[in-house]
N, C-alpha and C. Protein backbone atom coordinates (compact mmCIF):
# COMPACT_ATOMS: atom_id res chain seq x y z
N MET A 1 81.07 114.60 140.77
CA MET A 1 81.84 114.17 142.39
C MET A 1 81.85 112.59 141.45
N VAL A 2 81.09 112.52 139.70
CA VAL A 2 81.66 111.22 139.43
C VAL A 2 82.98 110.94 139.12
N ILE A 3 83.54 112.32 138.53
CA ILE A 3 84.40 112.82 137.06
C ILE A 3 85.48 112.50 139.17
N PHE A 4 85.32 112.87 140.11
CA PHE A 4 86.28 112.74 141.31
C PHE A 4 86.25 111.49 141.40
N THR A 5 84.94 110.76 141.26
CA THR A 5 85.44 108.79 142.05
C THR A 5 86.08 108.04 141.00
N ALA A 6 86.06 108.67 139.96
CA ALA A 6 86.21 107.55 138.37
C ALA A 6 87.77 107.75 139.00
N LEU A 7 88.80 109.63 139.03
CA LEU A 7 89.91 109.36 138.59
C LEU A 7 89.96 109.02 139.92
N LEU A 8 89.88 109.76 141.23
CA LEU A 8 90.58 109.30 142.36
C LEU A 8 90.38 107.84 142.91
N GLY A 9 88.89 107.50 143.05
CA GLY A 9 88.30 105.92 143.32
C GLY A 9 88.87 105.42 142.36
N LEU A 10 88.83 105.02 141.16
CA LEU A 10 89.46 104.25 140.03
C LEU A 10 90.78 104.16 139.35
N ALA A 11 90.64 105.47 138.74
CA ALA A 11 92.12 105.30 137.79
C ALA A 11 93.55 105.57 138.90
N TYR A 12 93.47 106.26 139.86
CA TYR A 12 94.26 106.85 140.83
C TYR A 12 94.72 105.31 141.61
N PRO A 13 94.20 104.53 141.65
CA PRO A 13 94.37 103.62 142.73
C PRO A 13 95.28 102.81 141.90
N LEU A 14 94.59 102.37 139.98
CA LEU A 14 94.76 101.42 139.36
C LEU A 14 96.59 101.59 139.17
N VAL A 15 96.88 103.23 138.89
CA VAL A 15 98.28 103.25 138.61
C VAL A 15 98.90 103.00 139.60
N VAL A 16 98.77 103.79 140.36
CA VAL A 16 99.91 103.39 142.06
C VAL A 16 99.41 101.50 141.78
N THR A 17 98.70 101.22 142.21
CA THR A 17 99.15 99.00 142.03
C THR A 17 99.93 99.16 140.72
N GLY A 18 100.15 99.55 139.36
CA GLY A 18 100.10 99.27 138.03
C GLY A 18 101.96 99.52 139.14
N ILE A 19 102.23 100.51 139.23
CA ILE A 19 103.90 101.08 138.68
C ILE A 19 103.79 99.97 140.29
N ALA A 20 103.80 100.23 141.63
CA ALA A 20 103.90 99.04 142.20
C ALA A 20 104.15 97.79 141.40
N GLN A 21 103.61 97.54 140.93
CA GLN A 21 103.43 95.53 140.50
C GLN A 21 104.69 95.94 139.40
N ALA A 22 104.78 96.40 138.67
CA ALA A 22 105.92 96.92 137.70
C ALA A 22 107.25 96.67 138.67
N GLY A 23 107.60 97.78 139.31
CA GLY A 23 109.21 98.05 139.89
C GLY A 23 109.00 97.23 141.54
N PHE A 24 108.18 97.27 142.53
CA PHE A 24 108.37 96.35 143.44
C PHE A 24 107.84 95.14 144.03
N LYS A 25 107.03 94.24 142.91
CA LYS A 25 106.58 93.20 143.18
C LYS A 25 106.64 92.66 144.27
N ASP A 26 107.57 92.12 144.59
CA ASP A 26 107.69 91.57 145.87
C ASP A 26 107.41 92.28 147.06
N LYS A 27 107.99 93.53 147.73
CA LYS A 27 106.96 94.28 148.02
C LYS A 27 106.10 94.57 147.71
N ALA A 28 105.45 94.62 146.98
CA ALA A 28 103.92 95.06 147.14
C ALA A 28 103.05 93.93 146.93
N ASP A 29 103.44 92.83 147.04
CA ASP A 29 102.72 91.34 147.43
C ASP A 29 102.75 90.97 148.28
N GLY A 30 103.26 91.91 149.06
CA GLY A 30 104.02 91.35 151.04
C GLY A 30 104.98 91.06 151.26
N SER A 31 105.85 91.14 150.43
CA SER A 31 107.27 90.40 151.12
C SER A 31 107.16 88.83 151.43
N LEU A 32 106.21 88.21 150.38
CA LEU A 32 106.09 86.53 151.42
C LEU A 32 106.81 85.67 151.54
N VAL A 33 107.55 84.92 152.68
CA VAL A 33 108.45 83.76 152.42
C VAL A 33 108.17 82.41 152.33
N LYS A 34 108.60 81.97 151.14
CA LYS A 34 108.22 80.53 151.55
C LYS A 34 109.18 79.28 151.16
N LYS A 35 108.68 77.93 151.86
CA LYS A 35 108.96 77.14 152.09
C LYS A 35 109.36 76.12 151.65
N ASN A 36 109.98 75.63 150.76
CA ASN A 36 109.23 74.03 149.69
C ASN A 36 107.73 74.78 148.87
N GLY A 37 108.35 75.41 148.46
CA GLY A 37 106.45 75.93 147.63
C GLY A 37 105.95 76.46 147.88
N THR A 38 105.68 76.56 149.49
CA THR A 38 104.63 76.88 150.20
C THR A 38 104.66 78.71 151.51
N THR A 39 104.10 79.20 151.25
CA THR A 39 104.25 80.95 151.97
C THR A 39 104.08 80.13 153.67
N VAL A 40 104.96 80.79 154.05
CA VAL A 40 105.15 80.48 155.59
C VAL A 40 104.96 81.54 156.74
N GLY A 41 105.16 82.70 155.77
CA GLY A 41 104.70 84.29 156.37
C GLY A 41 105.57 85.11 155.88
N SER A 42 105.28 86.29 155.97
CA SER A 42 106.28 87.55 155.43
C SER A 42 107.52 88.04 156.33
N SER A 43 108.62 88.61 155.72
CA SER A 43 109.53 89.14 155.90
C SER A 43 109.36 90.58 156.76
N LEU A 44 107.95 91.26 156.50
CA LEU A 44 107.62 92.49 157.56
C LEU A 44 106.60 92.54 158.24
N ILE A 45 106.34 91.12 158.83
CA ILE A 45 105.36 91.10 159.75
C ILE A 45 105.42 89.75 160.57
N GLY A 46 105.68 90.32 162.12
CA GLY A 46 106.38 88.24 162.92
C GLY A 46 105.08 87.85 162.92
N GLN A 47 105.55 86.90 163.63
CA GLN A 47 104.65 85.75 164.11
C GLN A 47 105.19 84.67 164.83
N SER A 48 104.18 83.94 165.75
CA SER A 48 105.01 83.33 166.38
C SER A 48 104.96 81.92 166.01
N PHE A 49 106.57 81.71 167.05
CA PHE A 49 106.79 80.02 166.65
C PHE A 49 106.77 79.80 168.35
N THR A 50 105.72 79.04 168.14
CA THR A 50 104.89 78.63 169.48
C THR A 50 104.23 77.53 169.06
N ASP A 51 104.41 76.25 169.99
CA ASP A 51 102.61 75.34 170.20
C ASP A 51 102.11 75.27 170.11
N ALA A 52 100.81 74.52 169.85
CA ALA A 52 99.64 74.50 169.99
C ALA A 52 99.09 75.66 171.65
N GLU A 53 99.86 75.34 172.46
CA GLU A 53 99.19 74.81 173.87
C GLU A 53 99.69 76.87 173.78
N GLY A 54 100.57 77.32 172.97
CA GLY A 54 101.08 78.99 173.14
C GLY A 54 102.76 79.08 174.23
N ASN A 55 102.87 78.42 174.05
CA ASN A 55 104.77 77.51 174.72
C ASN A 55 105.74 77.96 173.61
N PRO A 56 106.48 78.65 174.09
CA PRO A 56 107.60 79.09 173.18
C PRO A 56 108.23 77.60 172.62
N ILE A 57 108.60 77.30 171.05
CA ILE A 57 109.35 76.12 170.73
C ILE A 57 110.97 77.02 170.85
N ARG A 58 111.73 75.78 171.98
CA ARG A 58 112.88 75.92 172.19
C ARG A 58 113.84 76.27 170.92
N LYS A 59 113.67 75.55 169.76
CA LYS A 59 114.20 75.54 168.79
C LYS A 59 114.39 76.37 167.66
N TYR A 60 113.58 77.12 168.01
CA TYR A 60 113.17 78.71 167.13
C TYR A 60 113.72 80.10 167.88
N PHE A 61 114.01 80.82 167.28
CA PHE A 61 114.02 82.06 168.45
C PHE A 61 112.40 83.51 168.25
N GLN A 62 112.65 83.75 169.53
CA GLN A 62 111.06 83.59 169.57
C GLN A 62 111.33 85.35 169.21
N SER A 63 109.90 85.92 168.54
CA SER A 63 110.06 87.46 168.30
C SER A 63 109.56 88.25 169.21
N ARG A 64 109.34 89.30 168.67
CA ARG A 64 109.32 90.76 169.92
C ARG A 64 107.51 90.33 170.07
N PRO A 65 107.59 90.16 171.73
CA PRO A 65 106.26 90.51 171.67
C PRO A 65 105.06 91.08 170.77
N SER A 66 103.62 90.75 171.10
CA SER A 66 102.96 91.75 169.92
C SER A 66 101.84 92.18 170.68
N ALA A 67 100.68 93.54 171.04
CA ALA A 67 100.56 94.26 171.28
C ALA A 67 98.97 93.79 170.53
N ALA A 68 98.75 93.01 169.24
CA ALA A 68 97.77 93.39 168.56
C ALA A 68 96.44 92.21 169.34
N LEU A 69 95.50 92.99 169.33
CA LEU A 69 94.34 92.53 170.46
C LEU A 69 93.55 91.87 169.38
N GLY A 70 92.57 90.70 170.47
CA GLY A 70 91.63 90.06 169.86
C GLY A 70 90.04 91.29 169.73
N ALA A 71 88.84 90.61 169.07
CA ALA A 71 87.75 91.52 169.29
C ALA A 71 87.63 91.86 170.00
N ASP A 72 88.39 91.01 171.57
CA ASP A 72 87.19 91.66 172.43
C ASP A 72 87.88 92.89 172.93
N GLY A 73 88.96 93.18 172.56
CA GLY A 73 89.46 94.27 173.01
C GLY A 73 90.94 94.03 174.48
N LYS A 74 90.89 92.73 175.05
CA LYS A 74 90.86 92.60 175.99
C LYS A 74 92.59 91.41 175.96
N THR A 75 91.81 90.13 174.74
CA THR A 75 93.22 89.23 174.52
C THR A 75 94.29 89.28 173.44
N THR A 76 95.71 89.04 173.50
CA THR A 76 96.47 89.07 172.79
C THR A 76 95.89 88.08 171.55
N ALA A 77 95.91 88.73 170.29
CA ALA A 77 95.62 87.76 169.45
C ALA A 77 96.84 87.38 167.98
N GLY A 78 98.23 87.64 168.94
CA GLY A 78 99.37 87.12 168.16
C GLY A 78 99.80 88.45 167.41
N TYR A 79 99.74 87.59 165.68
CA TYR A 79 100.52 88.64 164.97
C TYR A 79 99.59 89.12 163.70
N ASP A 80 98.38 89.14 164.11
CA ASP A 80 97.29 89.07 163.10
C ASP A 80 97.57 90.52 162.22
N PRO A 81 97.76 91.11 161.21
CA PRO A 81 98.17 92.17 160.92
C PRO A 81 96.76 92.95 160.18
N THR A 82 95.60 92.54 160.75
CA THR A 82 93.96 92.95 160.65
C THR A 82 93.96 93.59 162.24
N LEU A 83 94.26 92.93 163.35
CA LEU A 83 94.17 94.00 164.27
C LEU A 83 95.58 94.59 164.58
N SER A 84 96.33 95.04 164.24
CA SER A 84 97.44 95.74 164.14
C SER A 84 97.23 97.00 165.31
N SER A 85 97.75 96.81 166.63
CA SER A 85 97.59 97.58 167.13
C SER A 85 99.12 98.30 168.24
N GLY A 86 99.11 98.68 168.95
CA GLY A 86 100.05 99.55 170.00
C GLY A 86 99.28 99.26 171.72
N SER A 87 99.43 99.07 172.27
CA SER A 87 99.05 98.63 173.44
C SER A 87 98.38 99.81 174.67
N ASN A 88 99.21 101.52 174.00
CA ASN A 88 98.86 102.93 174.32
C ASN A 88 99.31 102.48 175.60
N LEU A 89 99.95 101.58 176.75
CA LEU A 89 100.03 101.99 178.10
C LEU A 89 101.01 103.21 178.14
N GLY A 90 102.03 103.64 179.07
CA GLY A 90 102.56 104.28 178.91
C GLY A 90 103.38 104.14 179.76
N PRO A 91 105.08 104.40 179.72
CA PRO A 91 106.11 103.55 180.39
C PRO A 91 106.13 102.97 182.04
N THR A 92 105.04 104.70 182.65
CA THR A 92 104.95 104.32 184.15
C THR A 92 103.02 103.57 184.24
N ASN A 93 102.82 103.44 183.35
CA ASN A 93 101.91 102.64 184.04
C ASN A 93 102.08 101.32 184.82
N PRO A 94 101.08 100.97 185.51
CA PRO A 94 101.02 99.95 186.42
C PRO A 94 101.21 98.85 185.44
N LYS A 95 100.30 98.63 185.17
CA LYS A 95 100.01 97.28 184.12
C LYS A 95 101.15 96.69 182.80
N LEU A 96 101.49 97.76 182.49
CA LEU A 96 102.46 97.61 181.76
C LEU A 96 103.70 97.24 182.82
N LEU A 97 104.03 97.71 183.38
CA LEU A 97 104.95 97.69 184.57
C LEU A 97 105.06 95.64 184.70
N LYS A 98 104.01 95.67 185.01
CA LYS A 98 103.57 94.33 185.99
C LYS A 98 103.59 92.91 184.36
N LEU A 99 102.98 93.67 183.89
CA LEU A 99 103.18 92.72 182.31
C LEU A 99 104.78 92.56 181.56
N VAL A 100 105.44 93.55 181.86
CA VAL A 100 106.85 93.64 181.63
C VAL A 100 107.92 92.72 182.18
N ALA A 101 107.41 92.89 184.23
CA ALA A 101 108.45 92.15 184.77
C ALA A 101 107.51 90.24 184.03
N GLN A 102 106.21 90.33 183.91
CA GLN A 102 106.59 89.05 184.05
C GLN A 102 106.98 88.17 182.29
N ARG A 103 106.97 88.94 181.62
CA ARG A 103 108.38 89.11 180.36
C ARG A 103 109.78 88.52 180.68
N VAL A 104 110.48 89.18 181.62
CA VAL A 104 111.15 89.07 182.04
C VAL A 104 111.44 87.76 182.99
N LYS A 105 110.65 87.55 183.51
CA LYS A 105 110.38 86.51 184.23
C LYS A 105 110.84 85.11 183.68
N ALA A 106 109.60 85.18 182.24
CA ALA A 106 109.92 84.30 181.64
C ALA A 106 110.61 84.05 180.22
N TYR A 107 110.90 85.72 180.54
CA TYR A 107 112.16 85.42 179.38
C TYR A 107 113.29 84.70 179.47
N ARG A 108 113.85 85.20 180.88
CA ARG A 108 114.99 84.50 181.36
C ARG A 108 114.48 82.99 181.75
N LYS A 109 113.46 82.65 182.35
CA LYS A 109 113.66 80.88 182.46
C LYS A 109 114.09 80.95 181.01
N LEU A 110 113.13 80.77 179.80
CA LEU A 110 113.18 80.38 178.79
C LEU A 110 114.29 80.10 178.10
N ASN A 111 115.24 81.34 178.65
CA ASN A 111 116.73 80.40 178.09
C ASN A 111 117.50 80.90 178.93
N GLY A 112 117.35 80.01 180.31
CA GLY A 112 118.82 79.86 180.97
C GLY A 112 119.59 81.30 181.56
N LEU A 113 119.26 81.86 181.81
CA LEU A 113 119.36 83.26 182.04
C LEU A 113 119.49 83.44 183.84
N SER A 114 120.41 84.36 184.48
CA SER A 114 120.16 84.56 185.68
C SER A 114 119.61 85.33 185.99
N ALA A 115 119.37 85.81 186.67
CA ALA A 115 118.41 86.80 187.09
C ALA A 115 118.76 88.38 187.43
N HIS A 116 120.16 88.31 187.06
CA HIS A 116 121.02 89.51 186.90
C HIS A 116 121.50 89.81 185.79
N THR A 117 121.10 89.29 184.78
CA THR A 117 121.12 89.17 183.28
C THR A 117 120.36 90.17 182.36
N LEU A 118 120.81 90.77 182.16
CA LEU A 118 120.31 92.31 181.51
C LEU A 118 119.17 91.67 180.36
N VAL A 119 118.31 92.12 180.53
CA VAL A 119 116.74 91.82 179.07
C VAL A 119 116.90 92.62 178.11
N PRO A 120 117.00 92.63 176.64
CA PRO A 120 116.32 94.02 176.01
C PRO A 120 115.01 94.33 176.12
N VAL A 121 115.06 95.06 175.74
CA VAL A 121 113.53 96.01 175.82
C VAL A 121 112.38 94.98 174.55
N ASP A 122 113.15 95.37 173.55
CA ASP A 122 112.67 93.98 172.53
C ASP A 122 112.34 92.88 172.82
N ALA A 123 112.64 92.47 173.71
CA ALA A 123 112.42 91.22 174.73
C ALA A 123 111.50 91.10 175.03
N VAL A 124 110.80 91.97 176.10
CA VAL A 124 109.92 92.28 176.66
C VAL A 124 108.57 93.47 176.28
N THR A 125 108.64 94.24 174.64
CA THR A 125 107.99 95.08 175.17
C THR A 125 107.48 94.81 173.68
N ALA A 126 106.30 95.35 173.16
CA ALA A 126 106.24 95.27 172.21
C ALA A 126 106.22 96.29 171.18
N SER A 127 106.69 96.24 169.71
CA SER A 127 106.74 97.59 168.94
C SER A 127 105.37 98.14 168.70
N ALA A 128 105.39 99.41 168.24
CA ALA A 128 105.00 100.54 167.97
C ALA A 128 102.95 99.61 167.18
N SER A 129 103.58 98.71 166.12
CA SER A 129 102.28 97.60 165.16
C SER A 129 101.91 96.35 165.58
N GLY A 130 102.87 96.26 166.99
CA GLY A 130 102.42 94.71 167.50
C GLY A 130 102.84 93.77 166.10
N LEU A 131 103.40 94.33 165.47
CA LEU A 131 103.38 93.11 164.59
C LEU A 131 105.39 93.42 163.88
N ASP A 132 106.17 93.87 164.86
CA ASP A 132 107.88 94.08 164.50
C ASP A 132 108.38 92.31 163.67
N PRO A 133 108.45 92.28 163.04
CA PRO A 133 109.51 91.05 162.23
C PRO A 133 110.44 91.02 162.60
N ASP A 134 111.37 91.51 163.38
CA ASP A 134 112.94 92.29 163.96
C ASP A 134 113.15 91.71 165.09
N ILE A 135 114.14 91.23 165.52
CA ILE A 135 114.61 91.50 167.27
C ILE A 135 115.62 92.23 166.97
N SER A 136 116.38 92.69 168.06
CA SER A 136 117.50 93.36 168.08
C SER A 136 118.56 91.79 168.40
N VAL A 137 119.71 92.49 167.84
CA VAL A 137 120.92 91.62 168.11
C VAL A 137 121.03 91.24 169.34
N ALA A 138 121.25 92.06 170.36
CA ALA A 138 121.62 91.48 171.75
C ALA A 138 120.50 90.35 171.97
N ASN A 139 119.11 90.83 171.44
CA ASN A 139 117.87 89.94 172.07
C ASN A 139 118.49 88.42 171.19
N ALA A 140 118.76 88.72 170.02
CA ALA A 140 119.13 86.90 169.59
C ALA A 140 121.08 86.46 170.20
N ARG A 141 121.73 87.13 170.58
CA ARG A 141 122.59 87.11 171.30
C ARG A 141 122.27 85.88 172.46
N LEU A 142 121.46 86.42 172.80
CA LEU A 142 120.75 85.91 174.69
C LEU A 142 119.92 85.01 174.45
N GLN A 143 119.51 84.15 173.02
CA GLN A 143 118.72 83.50 172.24
C GLN A 143 119.45 82.21 172.00
N ALA A 144 120.51 82.31 171.58
CA ALA A 144 121.28 81.88 170.70
C ALA A 144 121.80 80.48 171.49
N ALA A 145 121.96 80.42 172.70
CA ALA A 145 122.46 79.37 173.16
C ALA A 145 121.49 78.57 173.26
N ARG A 146 120.11 78.64 173.38
CA ARG A 146 119.39 78.13 173.60
C ARG A 146 118.94 76.90 172.63
N VAL A 147 118.73 78.27 171.73
CA VAL A 147 118.21 76.97 169.73
C VAL A 147 119.52 76.40 169.46
N ALA A 148 120.75 76.35 169.68
CA ALA A 148 121.94 75.87 169.45
C ALA A 148 121.80 74.27 170.75
N ASP A 149 121.26 74.61 171.65
CA ASP A 149 121.54 73.48 172.36
C ASP A 149 119.56 71.90 172.00
N ALA A 150 118.78 73.39 171.88
CA ALA A 150 117.78 72.30 171.60
C ALA A 150 118.05 71.89 169.76
N ARG A 151 118.51 72.65 169.21
CA ARG A 151 119.21 71.41 167.55
C ARG A 151 120.29 70.65 167.51
N GLY A 152 121.32 70.71 168.15
CA GLY A 152 122.13 69.67 168.87
C GLY A 152 123.67 70.47 167.51
N LEU A 153 123.27 71.78 167.61
CA LEU A 153 124.22 72.97 166.64
C LEU A 153 124.90 73.43 167.85
N SER A 154 126.52 74.35 167.19
CA SER A 154 127.54 74.40 167.85
C SER A 154 127.12 76.30 167.87
N MET A 155 127.90 76.96 168.97
CA MET A 155 127.54 78.44 168.95
C MET A 155 128.00 79.11 168.27
N LYS A 156 129.18 78.79 167.85
CA LYS A 156 129.83 79.30 166.70
C LYS A 156 128.56 78.84 165.49
N GLN A 157 128.11 77.94 165.08
CA GLN A 157 127.47 77.93 163.62
C GLN A 157 126.21 79.04 163.98
N VAL A 158 125.70 78.66 165.32
CA VAL A 158 124.50 80.06 165.30
C VAL A 158 124.46 81.17 164.78
N ASP A 159 125.75 81.82 165.81
CA ASP A 159 126.17 83.00 165.76
C ASP A 159 126.51 83.54 164.77
N GLU A 160 126.62 82.21 163.85
CA GLU A 160 127.10 82.78 162.29
C GLU A 160 126.14 83.07 161.58
N LEU A 161 124.79 82.19 162.18
CA LEU A 161 123.95 82.42 161.13
C LEU A 161 122.71 83.79 161.84
N ILE A 162 122.92 84.22 163.13
CA ILE A 162 122.78 85.45 163.20
C ILE A 162 123.60 86.88 162.70
N ASP A 163 125.37 86.67 162.62
CA ASP A 163 125.66 87.63 162.03
C ASP A 163 125.09 87.93 160.12
N GLU A 164 125.09 86.23 159.92
CA GLU A 164 123.98 86.08 158.23
C GLU A 164 123.15 86.97 158.05
N HIS A 165 121.62 87.10 158.87
CA HIS A 165 120.91 87.49 159.21
C HIS A 165 120.56 88.91 159.48
N THR A 166 121.15 89.84 159.99
CA THR A 166 121.53 90.99 160.18
C THR A 166 120.94 92.16 159.93
N SER A 167 120.46 92.81 160.13
CA SER A 167 120.54 93.72 158.46
C SER A 167 121.11 95.07 159.20
N GLY A 168 121.30 96.38 158.26
CA GLY A 168 122.11 97.55 158.94
C GLY A 168 121.02 98.37 159.22
N ARG A 169 121.64 99.44 159.40
CA ARG A 169 121.13 100.59 160.02
C ARG A 169 120.31 101.48 158.69
N ALA A 170 119.27 101.91 158.73
CA ALA A 170 118.35 102.61 157.78
C ALA A 170 119.66 103.27 157.61
N LEU A 171 119.51 104.16 156.11
CA LEU A 171 120.37 105.17 155.56
C LEU A 171 121.93 104.50 155.50
N GLY A 172 122.53 103.58 156.82
CA GLY A 172 123.85 103.52 157.71
C GLY A 172 124.05 104.93 159.32
N PHE A 173 123.10 104.84 159.43
CA PHE A 173 123.05 105.99 161.08
C PHE A 173 121.43 105.76 161.65
N LEU A 174 120.33 105.34 161.21
CA LEU A 174 119.33 105.39 161.54
C LEU A 174 118.75 104.29 162.56
N GLY A 175 118.24 104.70 163.41
CA GLY A 175 117.68 102.87 164.57
C GLY A 175 119.17 102.26 164.84
N GLU A 176 119.12 100.90 164.60
CA GLU A 176 119.70 100.06 165.68
C GLU A 176 119.55 98.58 164.10
N ARG A 177 120.35 97.67 164.23
CA ARG A 177 120.93 96.76 163.04
C ARG A 177 119.94 95.42 164.01
N ALA A 178 119.46 94.85 163.45
CA ALA A 178 118.19 94.52 163.37
C ALA A 178 118.48 92.79 163.18
N VAL A 179 118.05 91.70 163.32
CA VAL A 179 117.45 90.64 163.24
C VAL A 179 116.31 89.79 162.88
N ASN A 180 116.11 89.59 161.23
CA ASN A 180 114.18 88.64 160.95
C ASN A 180 114.71 87.73 161.78
N VAL A 181 113.83 87.70 162.36
CA VAL A 181 113.60 85.98 163.20
C VAL A 181 112.87 84.83 161.91
N LEU A 182 112.09 85.36 161.15
CA LEU A 182 111.75 84.26 160.47
C LEU A 182 112.59 83.92 159.17
N GLU A 183 113.10 84.51 158.81
CA GLU A 183 114.81 84.29 158.69
C GLU A 183 115.58 83.46 158.68
N LEU A 184 115.67 83.88 159.86
CA LEU A 184 117.06 83.63 160.72
C LEU A 184 116.50 81.98 161.23
N ASN A 185 115.20 81.52 161.33
CA ASN A 185 114.64 80.21 161.85
C ASN A 185 114.65 80.00 160.67
N LEU A 186 114.11 80.31 159.63
CA LEU A 186 113.87 79.57 158.35
C LEU A 186 115.59 78.91 158.14
N ALA A 187 116.14 79.44 158.24
CA ALA A 187 118.21 78.99 157.67
C ALA A 187 118.11 78.17 158.43
N LEU A 188 118.11 78.14 159.89
CA LEU A 188 118.06 77.91 161.24
C LEU A 188 117.54 75.98 160.58
N ASP A 189 116.42 75.70 160.31
CA ASP A 189 115.79 74.94 159.81
C ASP A 189 116.71 73.93 158.38
N ARG A 190 117.02 74.95 157.12
CA ARG A 190 117.67 74.52 156.05
C ARG A 190 119.33 74.01 156.77
N LEU A 191 119.39 74.10 157.90
CA LEU A 191 121.25 73.52 158.48
C LEU A 191 120.83 72.36 158.65
N SER A 192 120.02 72.44 160.09
CA SER A 192 119.79 71.03 160.27
C SER A 192 118.75 70.18 160.05
N GLY A 193 118.62 70.50 158.15
CA GLY A 193 117.65 69.30 158.05
C GLY A 193 116.17 69.12 158.27
């Protein structure tokens, strides 16, 4: 027991940590994003762009909703990585359907969209982890007019930033193209001064 504890409990984790630090330091340290020398988030974990009352800040693109729950198991804790969880509600669950309908209405209102505008699924449902840092290109394009208006930028400027911060599919064919919300919002801050 002592040998295996030393081997698997100490030696193996130290070797893996050493390899990670030597070869993948940025990722091993959490892919932290800095602004003016201050850590403002991680490119791997979503975050809220809301005011103190929880209202979306109009000049920022909004992340995918989070399903991470607080200690009470009922209230949303936002994007706390220690509370990562999915909602575990199936697609026909009445609670999920009601929540999605509320989110669709709020998304359309925030972005000044008509009642007939189709809303991307990632704008109104949480990912499996509840911490997804990316949104779909369609979601970003629907938010672009609001962000451009709030910042006094042209749609062309905002669309170009969306294009610059759009990642390709994994291995060139898996999944969908996505936009990292934190990186896009930081680019907007740099552009707007």
